[in-house]
Amino acid sequence: MGVRIETLGYPSRTDAVLALRRQGVSTAEIAARIGIKTTTVSALEHSAGRAKRAPRPLEELCRTVLFPIDVLNALGPHAAKRNMHPNRLARLIVETVSDEKMIDAVLDDADDLKGWA
């Protein structure tokens, strides 16, 4: 990990990027204010999300689920608001729906399932 560089009154560039993002500032504007490339802004955000992420206890025993790229693209803006990757948001949504027993409410397909019982 690199040396923390105080930036715009925040303890580090990462803290400045995250604070500006919470204020709704665009990637290009954040880069301009700090004096870094837009790719560096994205990298700082991504590494901050990785550092905060606590793995689920059995995550290494999980199986992979593939989401279509159009679904991940649609989740992108919502994931960015939460400072996470769209894949993480997709997993969180599925986990929440399962944990809260909301599958029937989300799918609303009870009439279609009558023939399966």
PDB file of N, CA and C in Angstrom:
ATOM      1  N   MET A   1       0.845  -1.185   0.000  1.00  0.00           N
ATOM      2  CA  MET A   1       0.000   0.000   0.000  1.00  0.00           C
ATOM      3  C   MET A   1       0.879   1.232   0.000  1.00  0.00           C
ATOM      4  N   GLY A   2       0.477   2.252  -0.775  1.00  0.00           N
ATOM      5  CA  GLY A   2       1.265   3.464  -0.891  1.00  0.00           C
ATOM      6  C   GLY A   2       1.098   4.389   0.303  1.00  0.00           C
ATOM      7  N   VAL A   3       1.864   5.465   0.248  1.00  0.00           N
ATOM      8  CA  VAL A   3       1.811   6.487   1.289  1.00  0.00           C
ATOM      9  C   VAL A   3       0.536   7.307   1.111  1.00  0.00           C
ATOM     10  N   ARG A   4      -0.109   7.621   2.230  1.00  0.00           N
ATOM     11  CA  ARG A   4      -1.323   8.439   2.174  1.00  0.00           C
ATOM     12  C   ARG A   4      -0.932   9.883   1.860  1.00  0.00           C
ATOM     13  N   ILE A   5      -1.582  10.462   0.870  1.00  0.00           N
ATOM     14  CA  ILE A   5      -1.306  11.835   0.446  1.00  0.00           C
ATOM     15  C   ILE A   5      -2.521  12.684   0.773  1.00  0.00           C
ATOM     16  N   GLU A   6      -2.353  13.635   1.702  1.00  0.00           N
ATOM     17  CA  GLU A   6      -3.474  14.512   2.043  1.00  0.00           C
ATOM     18  C   GLU A   6      -3.932  15.240   0.778  1.00  0.00           C
ATOM     19  N   THR A   7      -5.248  15.207   0.560  1.00  0.00           N
ATOM     20  CA  THR A   7      -5.808  15.755  -0.679  1.00  0.00           C
ATOM     21  C   THR A   7      -7.115  16.481  -0.404  1.00  0.00           C
ATOM     22  N   LEU A   8      -7.198  17.727  -0.809  1.00  0.00           N
ATOM     23  CA  LEU A   8      -8.417  18.537  -0.679  1.00  0.00           C
ATOM     24  C   LEU A   8      -8.969  18.532   0.749  1.00  0.00           C
ATOM     25  N   GLY A   9      -8.091  18.475   1.726  1.00  0.00           N
ATOM     26  CA  GLY A   9      -8.513  18.480   3.124  1.00  0.00           C
ATOM     27  C   GLY A   9      -8.883  17.111   3.672  1.00  0.00           C
ATOM     28  N   TYR A  10      -8.741  16.081   2.864  1.00  0.00           N
ATOM     29  CA  TYR A  10      -9.011  14.705   3.311  1.00  0.00           C
ATOM     30  C   TYR A  10      -7.686  14.013   3.578  1.00  0.00           C
ATOM     31  N   PRO A  11      -7.676  12.997   4.450  1.00  0.00           N
ATOM     32  CA  PRO A  11      -6.419  12.336   4.818  1.00  0.00           C
ATOM     33  C   PRO A  11      -5.696  11.650   3.653  1.00  0.00           C
ATOM     34  N   SER A  12      -6.428  11.286   2.599  1.00  0.00           N
ATOM     35  CA  SER A  12      -5.799  10.601   1.467  1.00  0.00           C
ATOM     36  C   SER A  12      -6.564  10.902   0.182  1.00  0.00           C
ATOM     37  N   ARG A  13      -5.936  10.528  -0.936  1.00  0.00           N
ATOM     38  CA  ARG A  13      -6.624  10.687  -2.226  1.00  0.00           C
ATOM     39  C   ARG A  13      -7.876   9.817  -2.272  1.00  0.00           C
ATOM     40  N   THR A  14      -7.773   8.615  -1.727  1.00  0.00           N
ATOM     41  CA  THR A  14      -8.926   7.714  -1.716  1.00  0.00           C
ATOM     42  C   THR A  14     -10.079   8.335  -0.934  1.00  0.00           C
ATOM     43  N   ASP A  15      -9.799   8.888   0.234  1.00  0.00           N
ATOM     44  CA  ASP A  15     -10.843   9.532   1.037  1.00  0.00           C
ATOM     45  C   ASP A  15     -11.470  10.700   0.275  1.00  0.00           C
ATOM     46  N   ALA A  16     -10.636  11.461  -0.442  1.00  0.00           N
ATOM     47  CA  ALA A  16     -11.158  12.586  -1.232  1.00  0.00           C
ATOM     48  C   ALA A  16     -12.059  12.077  -2.353  1.00  0.00           C
ATOM     49  N   VAL A  17     -11.617  11.047  -3.061  1.00  0.00           N
ATOM     50  CA  VAL A  17     -12.411  10.474  -4.153  1.00  0.00           C
ATOM     51  C   VAL A  17     -13.758   9.991  -3.628  1.00  0.00           C
ATOM     52  N   LEU A  18     -13.750   9.239  -2.536  1.00  0.00           N
ATOM     53  CA  LEU A  18     -14.992   8.688  -1.992  1.00  0.00           C
ATOM     54  C   LEU A  18     -15.935   9.798  -1.506  1.00  0.00           C
ATOM     55  N   ALA A  19     -15.382  10.818  -0.876  1.00  0.00           N
ATOM     56  CA  ALA A  19     -16.203  11.932  -0.389  1.00  0.00           C
ATOM     57  C   ALA A  19     -16.835  12.692  -1.549  1.00  0.00           C
ATOM     58  N   LEU A  20     -16.048  12.960  -2.575  1.00  0.00           N
ATOM     59  CA  LEU A  20     -16.587  13.678  -3.738  1.00  0.00           C
ATOM     60  C   LEU A  20     -17.639  12.835  -4.456  1.00  0.00           C
ATOM     61  N   ARG A  21     -17.402  11.534  -4.531  1.00  0.00           N
ATOM     62  CA  ARG A  21     -18.377  10.650  -5.181  1.00  0.00           C
ATOM     63  C   ARG A  21     -19.701  10.677  -4.409  1.00  0.00           C
ATOM     64  N   ARG A  22     -19.624  10.663  -3.066  1.00  0.00           N
ATOM     65  CA  ARG A  22     -20.853  10.724  -2.254  1.00  0.00           C
ATOM     66  C   ARG A  22     -21.607  12.028  -2.487  1.00  0.00           C
ATOM     67  N   GLN A  23     -20.890  13.064  -2.884  1.00  0.00           N
ATOM     68  CA  GLN A  23     -21.511  14.357  -3.185  1.00  0.00           C
ATOM     69  C   GLN A  23     -22.072  14.392  -4.601  1.00  0.00           C
ATOM     70  N   GLY A  24     -21.891  13.303  -5.344  1.00  0.00           N
ATOM     71  CA  GLY A  24     -22.430  13.222  -6.694  1.00  0.00           C
ATOM     72  C   GLY A  24     -21.532  13.794  -7.767  1.00  0.00           C
ATOM     73  N   VAL A  25     -20.266  14.001  -7.447  1.00  0.00           N
ATOM     74  CA  VAL A  25     -19.318  14.562  -8.413  1.00  0.00           C
ATOM     75  C   VAL A  25     -18.917  13.466  -9.410  1.00  0.00           C
ATOM     76  N   SER A  26     -18.841  13.819 -10.681  1.00  0.00           N
ATOM     77  CA  SER A  26     -18.492  12.855 -11.727  1.00  0.00           C
ATOM     78  C   SER A  26     -17.025  12.454 -11.645  1.00  0.00           C
ATOM     79  N   THR A  27     -16.709  11.333 -12.292  1.00  0.00           N
ATOM     80  CA  THR A  27     -15.324  10.848 -12.318  1.00  0.00           C
ATOM     81  C   THR A  27     -14.398  11.882 -12.942  1.00  0.00           C
ATOM     82  N   ALA A  28     -14.815  12.476 -14.056  1.00  0.00           N
ATOM     83  CA  ALA A  28     -13.978  13.470 -14.738  1.00  0.00           C
ATOM     84  C   ALA A  28     -13.728  14.690 -13.840  1.00  0.00           C
ATOM     85  N   GLU A  29     -14.756  15.138 -13.139  1.00  0.00           N
ATOM     86  CA  GLU A  29     -14.600  16.301 -12.264  1.00  0.00           C
ATOM     87  C   GLU A  29     -13.712  15.972 -11.065  1.00  0.00           C
ATOM     88  N   ILE A  30     -13.875  14.772 -10.509  1.00  0.00           N
ATOM     89  CA  ILE A  30     -13.017  14.353  -9.398  1.00  0.00           C
ATOM     90  C   ILE A  30     -11.558  14.352  -9.852  1.00  0.00           C
ATOM     91  N   ALA A  31     -11.306  13.781 -11.019  1.00  0.00           N
ATOM     92  CA  ALA A  31      -9.951  13.729 -11.558  1.00  0.00           C
ATOM     93  C   ALA A  31      -9.378  15.143 -11.724  1.00  0.00           C
ATOM     94  N   ALA A  32     -10.191  16.045 -12.252  1.00  0.00           N
ATOM     95  CA  ALA A  32      -9.735  17.425 -12.466  1.00  0.00           C
ATOM     96  C   ALA A  32      -9.432  18.129 -11.138  1.00  0.00           C
ATOM     97  N   ARG A  33     -10.295  17.951 -10.165  1.00  0.00           N
ATOM     98  CA  ARG A  33     -10.094  18.614  -8.869  1.00  0.00           C
ATOM     99  C   ARG A  33      -8.835  18.121  -8.158  1.00  0.00           C
ATOM    100  N   ILE A  34      -8.592  16.819  -8.264  1.00  0.00           N
ATOM    101  CA  ILE A  34      -7.445  16.240  -7.555  1.00  0.00           C
ATOM    102  C   ILE A  34      -6.174  16.345  -8.385  1.00  0.00           C
ATOM    103  N   GLY A  35      -6.324  16.382  -9.719  1.00  0.00           N
ATOM    104  CA  GLY A  35      -5.162  16.434 -10.593  1.00  0.00           C
ATOM    105  C   GLY A  35      -4.618  15.055 -10.923  1.00  0.00           C
ATOM    106  N   ILE A  36      -5.530  14.087 -11.095  1.00  0.00           N
ATOM    107  CA  ILE A  36      -5.142  12.725 -11.441  1.00  0.00           C
ATOM    108  C   ILE A  36      -5.951  12.267 -12.646  1.00  0.00           C
ATOM    109  N   LYS A  37      -5.580  11.134 -13.233  1.00  0.00           N
ATOM    110  CA  LYS A  37      -6.305  10.586 -14.372  1.00  0.00           C
ATOM    111  C   LYS A  37      -7.636   9.993 -13.910  1.00  0.00           C
ATOM    112  N   THR A  38      -8.604   9.939 -14.823  1.00  0.00           N
ATOM    113  CA  THR A  38      -9.902   9.323 -14.492  1.00  0.00           C
ATOM    114  C   THR A  38      -9.725   7.839 -14.161  1.00  0.00           C
ATOM    115  N   THR A  39      -8.753   7.197 -14.803  1.00  0.00           N
ATOM    116  CA  THR A  39      -8.506   5.783 -14.497  1.00  0.00           C
ATOM    117  C   THR A  39      -7.989   5.613 -13.073  1.00  0.00           C
ATOM    118  N   THR A  40      -7.263   6.594 -12.572  1.00  0.00           N
ATOM    119  CA  THR A  40      -6.776   6.543 -11.190  1.00  0.00           C
ATOM    120  C   THR A  40      -7.934   6.713 -10.218  1.00  0.00           C
ATOM    121  N   VAL A  41      -8.885   7.574 -10.566  1.00  0.00           N
ATOM    122  CA  VAL A  41     -10.085   7.738  -9.735  1.00  0.00           C
ATOM    123  C   VAL A  41     -10.798   6.395  -9.606  1.00  0.00           C
ATOM    124  N   SER A  42     -11.008   5.735 -10.733  1.00  0.00           N
ATOM    125  CA  SER A  42     -11.687   4.434 -10.730  1.00  0.00           C
ATOM    126  C   SER A  42     -10.909   3.402  -9.935  1.00  0.00           C
ATOM    127  N   ALA A  43      -9.602   3.397 -10.088  1.00  0.00           N
ATOM    128  CA  ALA A  43      -8.764   2.435  -9.358  1.00  0.00           C
ATOM    129  C   ALA A  43      -8.831   2.678  -7.853  1.00  0.00           C
ATOM    130  N   LEU A  44      -8.813   3.935  -7.438  1.00  0.00           N
ATOM    131  CA  LEU A  44      -8.903   4.248  -6.005  1.00  0.00           C
ATOM    132  C   LEU A  44     -10.244   3.815  -5.434  1.00  0.00           C
ATOM    133  N   GLU A  45     -11.317   4.056  -6.187  1.00  0.00           N
ATOM    134  CA  GLU A  45     -12.642   3.619  -5.737  1.00  0.00           C
ATOM    135  C   GLU A  45     -12.702   2.102  -5.620  1.00  0.00           C
ATOM    136  N   HIS A  46     -12.183   1.420  -6.625  1.00  0.00           N
ATOM    137  CA  HIS A  46     -12.231  -0.041  -6.636  1.00  0.00           C
ATOM    138  C   HIS A  46     -11.430  -0.626  -5.472  1.00  0.00           C
ATOM    139  N   SER A  47     -10.238  -0.099  -5.245  1.00  0.00           N
ATOM    140  CA  SER A  47      -9.417  -0.644  -4.160  1.00  0.00           C
ATOM    141  C   SER A  47     -10.030  -0.342  -2.795  1.00  0.00           C
ATOM    142  N   ALA A  48     -10.723   0.794  -2.671  1.00  0.00           N
ATOM    143  CA  ALA A  48     -11.390   1.116  -1.402  1.00  0.00           C
ATOM    144  C   ALA A  48     -12.520   0.127  -1.138  1.00  0.00           C
ATOM    145  N   GLY A  49     -13.272  -0.216  -2.182  1.00  0.00           N
ATOM    146  CA  GLY A  49     -14.349  -1.190  -2.043  1.00  0.00           C
ATOM    147  C   GLY A  49     -13.827  -2.562  -1.665  1.00  0.00           C
ATOM    148  N   ARG A  50     -12.699  -2.953  -2.249  1.00  0.00           N
ATOM    149  CA  ARG A  50     -12.080  -4.241  -1.943  1.00  0.00           C
ATOM    150  C   ARG A  50     -11.607  -4.293  -0.496  1.00  0.00           C
ATOM    151  N   ALA A  51     -11.031  -3.190  -0.016  1.00  0.00           N
ATOM    152  CA  ALA A  51     -10.499  -3.162   1.347  1.00  0.00           C
ATOM    153  C   ALA A  51     -11.614  -3.267   2.387  1.00  0.00           C
ATOM    154  N   LYS A  52     -12.784  -2.691   2.097  1.00  0.00           N
ATOM    155  CA  LYS A  52     -13.891  -2.698   3.057  1.00  0.00           C
ATOM    156  C   LYS A  52     -14.686  -3.994   3.037  1.00  0.00           C
ATOM    157  N   ARG A  53     -14.546  -4.760   1.968  1.00  0.00           N
ATOM    158  CA  ARG A  53     -15.360  -5.949   1.781  1.00  0.00           C
ATOM    159  C   ARG A  53     -14.939  -7.052   2.743  1.00  0.00           C
ATOM    160  N   ALA A  54     -15.885  -7.517   3.511  1.00  0.00           N
ATOM    161  CA  ALA A  54     -15.637  -8.654   4.400  1.00  0.00           C
ATOM    162  C   ALA A  54     -16.230  -9.897   3.741  1.00  0.00           C
ATOM    163  N   PRO A  55     -15.424 -10.920   3.525  1.00  0.00           N
ATOM    164  CA  PRO A  55     -15.964 -12.109   2.862  1.00  0.00           C
ATOM    165  C   PRO A  55     -16.978 -12.827   3.735  1.00  0.00           C
ATOM    166  N   ARG A  56     -17.952 -13.428   3.080  1.00  0.00           N
ATOM    167  CA  ARG A  56     -18.896 -14.265   3.817  1.00  0.00           C
ATOM    168  C   ARG A  56     -18.128 -15.470   4.322  1.00  0.00           C
ATOM    169  N   PRO A  57     -18.516 -16.024   5.475  1.00  0.00           N
ATOM    170  CA  PRO A  57     -17.761 -17.136   6.063  1.00  0.00           C
ATOM    171  C   PRO A  57     -17.529 -18.308   5.121  1.00  0.00           C
ATOM    172  N   LEU A  58     -18.486 -18.626   4.291  1.00  0.00           N
ATOM    173  CA  LEU A  58     -18.338 -19.780   3.417  1.00  0.00           C
ATOM    174  C   LEU A  58     -18.164 -19.394   1.956  1.00  0.00           C
ATOM    175  N   GLU A  59     -17.726 -18.141   1.718  1.00  0.00           N
ATOM    176  CA  GLU A  59     -17.645 -17.663   0.348  1.00  0.00           C
ATOM    177  C   GLU A  59     -16.789 -18.566  -0.533  1.00  0.00           C
ATOM    178  N   GLU A  60     -15.729 -19.120   0.018  1.00  0.00           N
ATOM    179  CA  GLU A  60     -14.864 -19.960  -0.795  1.00  0.00           C
ATOM    180  C   GLU A  60     -15.554 -21.262  -1.212  1.00  0.00           C
ATOM    181  N   LEU A  61     -16.665 -21.615  -0.585  1.00  0.00           N
ATOM    182  CA  LEU A  61     -17.402 -22.820  -0.930  1.00  0.00           C
ATOM    183  C   LEU A  61     -18.565 -22.542  -1.888  1.00  0.00           C
ATOM    184  N   CYS A  62     -18.738 -21.291  -2.270  1.00  0.00           N
ATOM    185  CA  CYS A  62     -19.853 -20.913  -3.136  1.00  0.00           C
ATOM    186  C   CYS A  62     -19.613 -21.343  -4.576  1.00  0.00           C
ATOM    187  N   ARG A  63     -20.670 -21.340  -5.336  1.00  0.00           N
ATOM    188  CA  ARG A  63     -20.595 -21.618  -6.767  1.00  0.00           C
ATOM    189  C   ARG A  63     -20.792 -20.328  -7.533  1.00  0.00           C
ATOM    190  N   THR A  64     -20.283 -20.300  -8.723  1.00  0.00           N
ATOM    191  CA  THR A  64     -20.357 -19.120  -9.567  1.00  0.00           C
ATOM    192  C   THR A  64     -21.712 -19.027 -10.253  1.00  0.00           C
ATOM    193  N   VAL A  65     -22.253 -17.821 -10.291  1.00  0.00           N
ATOM    194  CA  VAL A  65     -23.462 -17.527 -11.049  1.00  0.00           C
ATOM    195  C   VAL A  65     -23.079 -16.459 -12.064  1.00  0.00           C
ATOM    196  N   LEU A  66     -23.409 -16.693 -13.318  1.00  0.00           N
ATOM    197  CA  LEU A  66     -23.099 -15.723 -14.363  1.00  0.00           C
ATOM    198  C   LEU A  66     -24.308 -14.831 -14.611  1.00  0.00           C
ATOM    199  N   PHE A  67     -24.068 -13.529 -14.634  1.00  0.00           N
ATOM    200  CA  PHE A  67     -25.123 -12.571 -14.934  1.00  0.00           C
ATOM    201  C   PHE A  67     -24.860 -11.996 -16.316  1.00  0.00           C
ATOM    202  N   PRO A  68     -25.902 -11.846 -17.126  1.00  0.00           N
ATOM    203  CA  PRO A  68     -25.711 -11.240 -18.459  1.00  0.00           C
ATOM    204  C   PRO A  68     -25.156  -9.826 -18.320  1.00  0.00           C
ATOM    205  N   ILE A  69     -24.338  -9.441 -19.281  1.00  0.00           N
ATOM    206  CA  ILE A  69     -23.685  -8.140 -19.228  1.00  0.00           C
ATOM    207  C   ILE A  69     -24.694  -6.992 -19.187  1.00  0.00           C
ATOM    208  N   ASP A  70     -25.851  -7.147 -19.853  1.00  0.00           N
ATOM    209  CA  ASP A  70     -26.839  -6.065 -19.825  1.00  0.00           C
ATOM    210  C   ASP A  70     -27.416  -5.894 -18.421  1.00  0.00           C
ATOM    211  N   VAL A  71     -27.518  -6.984 -17.662  1.00  0.00           N
ATOM    212  CA  VAL A  71     -27.980  -6.891 -16.267  1.00  0.00           C
ATOM    213  C   VAL A  71     -26.926  -6.166 -15.425  1.00  0.00           C
ATOM    214  N   LEU A  72     -25.664  -6.537 -15.595  1.00  0.00           N
ATOM    215  CA  LEU A  72     -24.598  -5.874 -14.838  1.00  0.00           C
ATOM    216  C   LEU A  72     -24.497  -4.398 -15.217  1.00  0.00           C
ATOM    217  N   ASN A  73     -24.685  -4.088 -16.493  1.00  0.00           N
ATOM    218  CA  ASN A  73     -24.659  -2.684 -16.911  1.00  0.00           C
ATOM    219  C   ASN A  73     -25.801  -1.894 -16.288  1.00  0.00           C
ATOM    220  N   ALA A  74     -26.979  -2.504 -16.190  1.00  0.00           N
ATOM    221  CA  ALA A  74     -28.125  -1.828 -15.564  1.00  0.00           C
ATOM    222  C   ALA A  74     -27.887  -1.619 -14.071  1.00  0.00           C
ATOM    223  N   LEU A  75     -27.173  -2.548 -13.440  1.00  0.00           N
ATOM    224  CA  LEU A  75     -26.874  -2.417 -12.015  1.00  0.00           C
ATOM    225  C   LEU A  75     -25.741  -1.425 -11.748  1.00  0.00           C
ATOM    226  N   GLY A  76     -24.965  -1.112 -12.771  1.00  0.00           N
ATOM    227  CA  GLY A  76     -23.785  -0.256 -12.614  1.00  0.00           C
ATOM    228  C   GLY A  76     -24.014   1.041 -11.855  1.00  0.00           C
ATOM    229  N   PRO A  77     -24.980   1.877 -12.247  1.00  0.00           N
ATOM    230  CA  PRO A  77     -25.187   3.139 -11.530  1.00  0.00           C
ATOM    231  C   PRO A  77     -25.595   2.932 -10.067  1.00  0.00           C
ATOM    232  N   HIS A  78     -26.380   1.896  -9.810  1.00  0.00           N
ATOM    233  CA  HIS A  78     -26.814   1.615  -8.446  1.00  0.00           C
ATOM    234  C   HIS A  78     -25.647   1.103  -7.608  1.00  0.00           C
ATOM    235  N   ALA A  79     -24.776   0.332  -8.229  1.00  0.00           N
ATOM    236  CA  ALA A  79     -23.578  -0.170  -7.546  1.00  0.00           C
ATOM    237  C   ALA A  79     -22.626   0.989  -7.234  1.00  0.00           C
ATOM    238  N   ALA A  80     -22.468   1.900  -8.183  1.00  0.00           N
ATOM    239  CA  ALA A  80     -21.573   3.041  -7.982  1.00  0.00           C
ATOM    240  C   ALA A  80     -22.015   3.895  -6.803  1.00  0.00           C
ATOM    241  N   LYS A  81     -23.332   4.079  -6.656  1.00  0.00           N
ATOM    242  CA  LYS A  81     -23.854   4.854  -5.517  1.00  0.00           C
ATOM    243  C   LYS A  81     -23.474   4.217  -4.196  1.00  0.00           C
ATOM    244  N   ARG A  82     -23.308   2.905  -4.209  1.00  0.00           N
ATOM    245  CA  ARG A  82     -22.996   2.151  -2.987  1.00  0.00           C
ATOM    246  C   ARG A  82     -21.519   1.812  -2.893  1.00  0.00           C
ATOM    247  N   ASN A  83     -20.740   2.377  -3.815  1.00  0.00           N
ATOM    248  CA  ASN A  83     -19.298   2.169  -3.845  1.00  0.00           C
ATOM    249  C   ASN A  83     -18.943   0.683  -3.921  1.00  0.00           C
ATOM    250  N   MET A  84     -19.615  -0.027  -4.821  1.00  0.00           N
ATOM    251  CA  MET A  84     -19.314  -1.446  -4.993  1.00  0.00           C
ATOM    252  C   MET A  84     -19.391  -1.804  -6.466  1.00  0.00           C
ATOM    253  N   HIS A  85     -18.885  -2.955  -6.799  1.00  0.00           N
ATOM    254  CA  HIS A  85     -18.912  -3.455  -8.174  1.00  0.00           C
ATOM    255  C   HIS A  85     -20.301  -4.021  -8.475  1.00  0.00           C
ATOM    256  N   PRO A  86     -20.772  -3.922  -9.707  1.00  0.00           N
ATOM    257  CA  PRO A  86     -22.084  -4.489 -10.058  1.00  0.00           C
ATOM    258  C   PRO A  86     -22.228  -5.975  -9.709  1.00  0.00           C
ATOM    259  N   ASN A  87     -21.144  -6.747  -9.826  1.00  0.00           N
ATOM    260  CA  ASN A  87     -21.213  -8.161  -9.440  1.00  0.00           C
ATOM    261  C   ASN A  87     -21.555  -8.315  -7.962  1.00  0.00           C
ATOM    262  N   ARG A  88     -20.951  -7.478  -7.132  1.00  0.00           N
ATOM    263  CA  ARG A  88     -21.217  -7.533  -5.685  1.00  0.00           C
ATOM    264  C   ARG A  88     -22.662  -7.147  -5.408  1.00  0.00           C
ATOM    265  N   LEU A  89     -23.171  -6.125  -6.103  1.00  0.00           N
ATOM    266  CA  LEU A  89     -24.557  -5.717  -5.909  1.00  0.00           C
ATOM    267  C   LEU A  89     -25.509  -6.835  -6.328  1.00  0.00           C
ATOM    268  N   ALA A  90     -25.212  -7.503  -7.440  1.00  0.00           N
ATOM    269  CA  ALA A  90     -26.052  -8.619  -7.890  1.00  0.00           C
ATOM    270  C   ALA A  90     -26.084  -9.719  -6.833  1.00  0.00           C
ATOM    271  N   ARG A  91     -24.916 -10.058  -6.275  1.00  0.00           N
ATOM    272  CA  ARG A  91     -24.878 -11.079  -5.212  1.00  0.00           C
ATOM    273  C   ARG A  91     -25.662 -10.627  -3.994  1.00  0.00           C
ATOM    274  N   LEU A  92     -25.513  -9.362  -3.624  1.00  0.00           N
ATOM    275  CA  LEU A  92     -26.212  -8.830  -2.449  1.00  0.00           C
ATOM    276  C   LEU A  92     -27.724  -8.878  -2.647  1.00  0.00           C
ATOM    277  N   ILE A  93     -28.189  -8.549  -3.843  1.00  0.00           N
ATOM    278  CA  ILE A  93     -29.626  -8.595  -4.125  1.00  0.00           C
ATOM    279  C   ILE A  93     -30.134 -10.026  -3.998  1.00  0.00           C
ATOM    280  N   VAL A  94     -29.430 -10.966  -4.603  1.00  0.00           N
ATOM    281  CA  VAL A  94     -29.855 -12.374  -4.538  1.00  0.00           C
ATOM    282  C   VAL A  94     -29.821 -12.874  -3.098  1.00  0.00           C
ATOM    283  N   GLU A  95     -28.759 -12.550  -2.357  1.00  0.00           N
ATOM    284  CA  GLU A  95     -28.659 -12.952  -0.942  1.00  0.00           C
ATOM    285  C   GLU A  95     -29.809 -12.391  -0.121  1.00  0.00           C
ATOM    286  N   THR A  96     -30.127 -11.112  -0.327  1.00  0.00           N
ATOM    287  CA  THR A  96     -31.188 -10.459   0.434  1.00  0.00           C
ATOM    288  C   THR A  96     -32.547 -11.075   0.120  1.00  0.00           C
ATOM    289  N   VAL A  97     -32.829 -11.285  -1.161  1.00  0.00           N
ATOM    290  CA  VAL A  97     -34.099 -11.891  -1.558  1.00  0.00           C
ATOM    291  C   VAL A  97     -34.233 -13.277  -0.935  1.00  0.00           C
ATOM    292  N   SER A  98     -33.159 -14.040  -0.932  1.00  0.00           N
ATOM    293  CA  SER A  98     -33.180 -15.383  -0.354  1.00  0.00           C
ATOM    294  C   SER A  98     -33.312 -15.332   1.170  1.00  0.00           C
ATOM    295  N   ASP A  99     -32.466 -14.525   1.816  1.00  0.00           N
ATOM    296  CA  ASP A  99     -32.476 -14.436   3.283  1.00  0.00           C
ATOM    297  C   ASP A  99     -33.810 -13.943   3.826  1.00  0.00           C
ATOM    298  N   GLU A 100     -34.425 -12.995   3.126  1.00  0.00           N
ATOM    299  CA  GLU A 100     -35.682 -12.403   3.584  1.00  0.00           C
ATOM    300  C   GLU A 100     -36.911 -13.145   3.061  1.00  0.00           C
ATOM    301  N   LYS A 101     -36.680 -14.267   2.377  1.00  0.00           N
ATOM    302  CA  LYS A 101     -37.764 -15.101   1.847  1.00  0.00           C
ATOM    303  C   LYS A 101     -38.722 -14.276   0.976  1.00  0.00           C
ATOM    304  N   MET A 102     -38.129 -13.511   0.057  1.00  0.00           N
ATOM    305  CA  MET A 102     -38.891 -12.610  -0.798  1.00  0.00           C
ATOM    306  C   MET A 102     -39.020 -13.114  -2.230  1.00  0.00           C
ATOM    307  N   ILE A 103     -38.646 -14.344  -2.498  1.00  0.00           N
ATOM    308  CA  ILE A 103     -38.618 -14.844  -3.880  1.00  0.00           C
ATOM    309  C   ILE A 103     -39.989 -14.734  -4.532  1.00  0.00           C
ATOM    310  N   ASP A 104     -41.037 -15.212  -3.864  1.00  0.00           N
ATOM    311  CA  ASP A 104     -42.377 -15.139  -4.451  1.00  0.00           C
ATOM    312  C   ASP A 104     -42.818 -13.695  -4.663  1.00  0.00           C
ATOM    313  N   ALA A 105     -42.489 -12.822  -3.726  1.00  0.00           N
ATOM    314  CA  ALA A 105     -42.873 -11.416  -3.867  1.00  0.00           C
ATOM    315  C   ALA A 105     -42.146 -10.757  -5.037  1.00  0.00           C
ATOM    316  N   VAL A 106     -40.887 -11.091  -5.220  1.00  0.00           N
ATOM    317  CA  VAL A 106     -40.112 -10.491  -6.301  1.00  0.00           C
ATOM    318  C   VAL A 106     -40.542 -11.034  -7.659  1.00  0.00           C
ATOM    319  N   LEU A 107     -40.741 -12.335  -7.747  1.00  0.00           N
ATOM    320  CA  LEU A 107     -41.089 -12.940  -9.035  1.00  0.00           C
ATOM    321  C   LEU A 107     -42.559 -12.777  -9.390  1.00  0.00           C
ATOM    322  N   ASP A 108     -43.445 -12.771  -8.405  1.00  0.00           N
ATOM    323  CA  ASP A 108     -44.875 -12.592  -8.639  1.00  0.00           C
ATOM    324  C   ASP A 108     -45.373 -13.507  -9.760  1.00  0.00           C
ATOM    325  N   ASP A 109     -45.008 -14.782  -9.645  1.00  0.00           N
ATOM    326  CA  ASP A 109     -45.376 -15.747 -10.678  1.00  0.00           C
ATOM    327  C   ASP A 109     -46.229 -16.881 -10.127  1.00  0.00           C
ATOM    328  N   ALA A 110     -46.950 -16.637  -9.029  1.00  0.00           N
ATOM    329  CA  ALA A 110     -47.724 -17.704  -8.364  1.00  0.00           C
ATOM    330  C   ALA A 110     -48.700 -18.382  -9.317  1.00  0.00           C
ATOM    331  N   ASP A 111     -49.367 -17.618 -10.183  1.00  0.00           N
ATOM    332  CA  ASP A 111     -50.328 -18.219 -11.112  1.00  0.00           C
ATOM    333  C   ASP A 111     -49.641 -19.160 -12.102  1.00  0.00           C
ATOM    334  N   ASP A 112     -48.425 -18.806 -12.511  1.00  0.00           N
ATOM    335  CA  ASP A 112     -47.696 -19.645 -13.461  1.00  0.00           C
ATOM    336  C   ASP A 112     -47.230 -20.965 -12.848  1.00  0.00           C
ATOM    337  N   LEU A 113     -47.108 -21.017 -11.510  1.00  0.00           N
ATOM    338  CA  LEU A 113     -46.566 -22.193 -10.841  1.00  0.00           C
ATOM    339  C   LEU A 113     -47.635 -23.218 -10.445  1.00  0.00           C
ATOM    340  N   LYS A 114     -48.904 -22.896 -10.592  1.00  0.00           N
ATOM    341  CA  LYS A 114     -49.966 -23.798 -10.151  1.00  0.00           C
ATOM    342  C   LYS A 114     -49.864 -25.176 -10.804  1.00  0.00           C
ATOM    343  N   GLY A 115     -49.431 -25.245 -12.026  1.00  0.00           N
ATOM    344  CA  GLY A 115     -49.314 -26.520 -12.712  1.00  0.00           C
ATOM    345  C   GLY A 115     -48.116 -27.341 -12.252  1.00  0.00           C
ATOM    346  N   TRP A 116     -47.180 -26.745 -11.515  1.00  0.00           N
ATOM    347  CA  TRP A 116     -45.963 -27.431 -11.075  1.00  0.00           C
ATOM    348  C   TRP A 116     -46.149 -28.146  -9.762  1.00  0.00           C
ATOM    349  N   ALA A 117     -47.173 -27.830  -8.997  1.00  0.00           N
ATOM    350  CA  ALA A 117     -47.340 -28.399  -7.647  1.00  0.00           C
ATOM    351  C   ALA A 117     -47.788 -29.835  -7.701  1.00  0.00           C
TER     352      ALA A 117
END
